[in-house]
Structures are given as C-alpha cells and as structure tokens.
Amino acid sequence: MSTRGRHAPRAVVDTNILARGLLRPGGPSATLLQAAEDATFSLVLSPSILQELRKVFFKPHVRQRYPLSLEQIAGYMASV
C-alpha cells in the first residue's frame, strides 16, 4: 500500500497536556508530545490554546511549584 499523499493524523490536545509536557518531562504527556515531535501525528494548536498555555505557566501556584525561568517557558512556547 502506497503512503504517497497520506498525512499523519492530526490531534488537538488539551492545555493541561501541553503544560504537563514541560512540567513533568518524564510523564505520559511528555511522551505524547514527543510522538508529535516524531511526526507520529500532527499537533493542531490555536491562538486560544497557546494563550491559555501561557497563562497556566504564570499562575502563582504553578510558578511556586515549578520554578521555570522565562527562557524555559519562552523556549517551550516556541517549540509547540
């Protein structure tokens, strides 16, 4: 069977999955996002999802529990 003209499946993931991909590098969310990076599927994101993700990283309880640098957050946001 030829794969010419076929594309990887596409998926929209919840903001929690995206956030946990950075906050818990060895967890299931990171594994799922690695599959997207490996082109197992295409990640579909909207400006609204990215805006919500940005807000999550700056919530006080998240900043306190996961002291990420601004560079780490910016690098991750640029990679998704």
C-alpha atoms as a PDB file:
ATOM      1  CA  MET A   1       0.000   0.000   0.000  1.00  0.00           C
ATOM      2  CA  SER A   2       1.438   3.354  -1.002  1.00  0.00           C
ATOM      3  CA  THR A   3       1.762   6.111   1.588  1.00  0.00           C
ATOM      4  CA  ARG A   4       2.159   8.792  -1.045  1.00  0.00           C
ATOM      5  CA  GLY A   5      -0.317  11.572  -0.439  1.00  0.00           C
ATOM      6  CA  ARG A   6      -1.066  10.330   3.075  1.00  0.00           C
ATOM      7  CA  HIS A   7      -0.557  12.572   6.044  1.00  0.00           C
ATOM      8  CA  ALA A   8      -0.063  11.841   9.701  1.00  0.00           C
ATOM      9  CA  PRO A   9      -3.241  12.017  11.762  1.00  0.00           C
ATOM     10  CA  ARG A  10      -3.922  15.369  13.396  1.00  0.00           C
ATOM     11  CA  ALA A  11      -4.828  15.937  17.029  1.00  0.00           C
ATOM     12  CA  VAL A  12      -5.820  18.819  19.255  1.00  0.00           C
ATOM     13  CA  VAL A  13      -4.628  18.349  22.820  1.00  0.00           C
ATOM     14  CA  ASP A  14      -5.857  19.961  25.991  1.00  0.00           C
ATOM     15  CA  THR A  15      -3.837  22.776  27.556  1.00  0.00           C
ATOM     16  CA  ASN A  16      -3.149  20.534  30.559  1.00  0.00           C
ATOM     17  CA  ILE A  17      -1.366  18.040  28.313  1.00  0.00           C
ATOM     18  CA  LEU A  18       0.764  20.813  26.837  1.00  0.00           C
ATOM     19  CA  ALA A  19       1.640  22.259  30.248  1.00  0.00           C
ATOM     20  CA  ARG A  20       2.483  18.886  31.764  1.00  0.00           C
ATOM     21  CA  GLY A  21       4.737  18.156  28.813  1.00  0.00           C
ATOM     22  CA  LEU A  22       7.108  20.786  30.192  1.00  0.00           C
ATOM     23  CA  LEU A  23       6.353  20.484  33.887  1.00  0.00           C
ATOM     24  CA  ARG A  24       6.780  16.693  34.025  1.00  0.00           C
ATOM     25  CA  PRO A  25       9.368  15.749  31.396  1.00  0.00           C
ATOM     26  CA  GLY A  26       9.217  12.001  32.089  1.00  0.00           C
ATOM     27  CA  GLY A  27       5.455  11.751  32.269  1.00  0.00           C
ATOM     28  CA  PRO A  28       2.810  10.486  29.859  1.00  0.00           C
ATOM     29  CA  SER A  29       2.076  13.966  28.491  1.00  0.00           C
ATOM     30  CA  ALA A  30       5.720  14.444  27.544  1.00  0.00           C
ATOM     31  CA  THR A  31       5.676  11.040  25.853  1.00  0.00           C
ATOM     32  CA  LEU A  32       2.582  12.010  23.879  1.00  0.00           C
ATOM     33  CA  LEU A  33       4.120  15.313  22.808  1.00  0.00           C
ATOM     34  CA  GLN A  34       7.322  13.510  21.824  1.00  0.00           C
ATOM     35  CA  ALA A  35       5.213  11.385  19.467  1.00  0.00           C
ATOM     36  CA  ALA A  36       4.003  14.595  17.830  1.00  0.00           C
ATOM     37  CA  GLU A  37       7.591  15.796  17.544  1.00  0.00           C
ATOM     38  CA  ASP A  38       8.499  12.447  15.955  1.00  0.00           C
ATOM     39  CA  ALA A  39       5.708  13.053  13.389  1.00  0.00           C
ATOM     40  CA  THR A  40       3.552  10.169  14.600  1.00  0.00           C
ATOM     41  CA  PHE A  41       0.764  12.712  14.453  1.00  0.00           C
ATOM     42  CA  SER A  42       0.457  16.423  13.779  1.00  0.00           C
ATOM     43  CA  LEU A  43      -0.327  18.667  16.698  1.00  0.00           C
ATOM     44  CA  VAL A  44      -3.048  21.214  15.927  1.00  0.00           C
ATOM     45  CA  LEU A  45      -2.988  24.360  18.071  1.00  0.00           C
ATOM     46  CA  SER A  46      -4.973  27.564  18.013  1.00  0.00           C
ATOM     47  CA  PRO A  47      -4.038  31.014  19.278  1.00  0.00           C
ATOM     48  CA  SER A  48      -6.543  30.471  22.108  1.00  0.00           C
ATOM     49  CA  ILE A  49      -4.827  27.286  23.258  1.00  0.00           C
ATOM     50  CA  LEU A  50      -1.422  28.974  23.203  1.00  0.00           C
ATOM     51  CA  GLN A  51      -2.756  31.971  25.116  1.00  0.00           C
ATOM     52  CA  GLU A  52      -4.270  29.697  27.759  1.00  0.00           C
ATOM     53  CA  LEU A  53      -0.997  27.742  27.998  1.00  0.00           C
ATOM     54  CA  ARG A  54       0.946  30.958  28.550  1.00  0.00           C
ATOM     55  CA  LYS A  55      -1.455  31.898  31.365  1.00  0.00           C
ATOM     56  CA  VAL A  56      -1.002  28.495  33.028  1.00  0.00           C
ATOM     57  CA  PHE A  57       2.763  28.959  33.293  1.00  0.00           C
ATOM     58  CA  PHE A  58       2.291  32.268  35.098  1.00  0.00           C
ATOM     59  CA  LYS A  59      -0.317  31.192  37.645  1.00  0.00           C
ATOM     60  CA  PRO A  60       1.124  31.753  41.141  1.00  0.00           C
ATOM     61  CA  HIS A  61       0.713  28.142  42.289  1.00  0.00           C
ATOM     62  CA  VAL A  62       2.379  26.840  39.116  1.00  0.00           C
ATOM     63  CA  ARG A  63       5.278  29.319  39.417  1.00  0.00           C
ATOM     64  CA  GLN A  64       5.751  28.317  43.050  1.00  0.00           C
ATOM     65  CA  ARG A  65       5.707  24.564  42.435  1.00  0.00           C
ATOM     66  CA  TYR A  66       7.649  24.636  39.147  1.00  0.00           C
ATOM     67  CA  PRO A  67      10.167  27.498  39.214  1.00  0.00           C
ATOM     68  CA  LEU A  68      10.780  27.697  35.473  1.00  0.00           C
ATOM     69  CA  SER A  69      12.836  30.513  34.024  1.00  0.00           C
ATOM     70  CA  LEU A  70      11.314  32.875  31.490  1.00  0.00           C
ATOM     71  CA  GLU A  71      13.760  31.427  28.956  1.00  0.00           C
ATOM     72  CA  GLN A  72      12.489  27.899  29.599  1.00  0.00           C
ATOM     73  CA  ILE A  73       8.893  28.999  29.157  1.00  0.00           C
ATOM     74  CA  ALA A  74       9.666  31.018  26.025  1.00  0.00           C
ATOM     75  CA  GLY A  75      11.650  28.150  24.502  1.00  0.00           C
ATOM     76  CA  TYR A  76       8.866  25.684  25.153  1.00  0.00           C
ATOM     77  CA  MET A  77       6.201  28.026  23.784  1.00  0.00           C
ATOM     78  CA  ALA A  78       8.254  28.441  20.624  1.00  0.00           C
ATOM     79  CA  SER A  79       8.598  24.672  20.226  1.00  0.00           C
ATOM     80  CA  VAL A  80       4.905  23.749  20.406  1.00  0.00           C
END
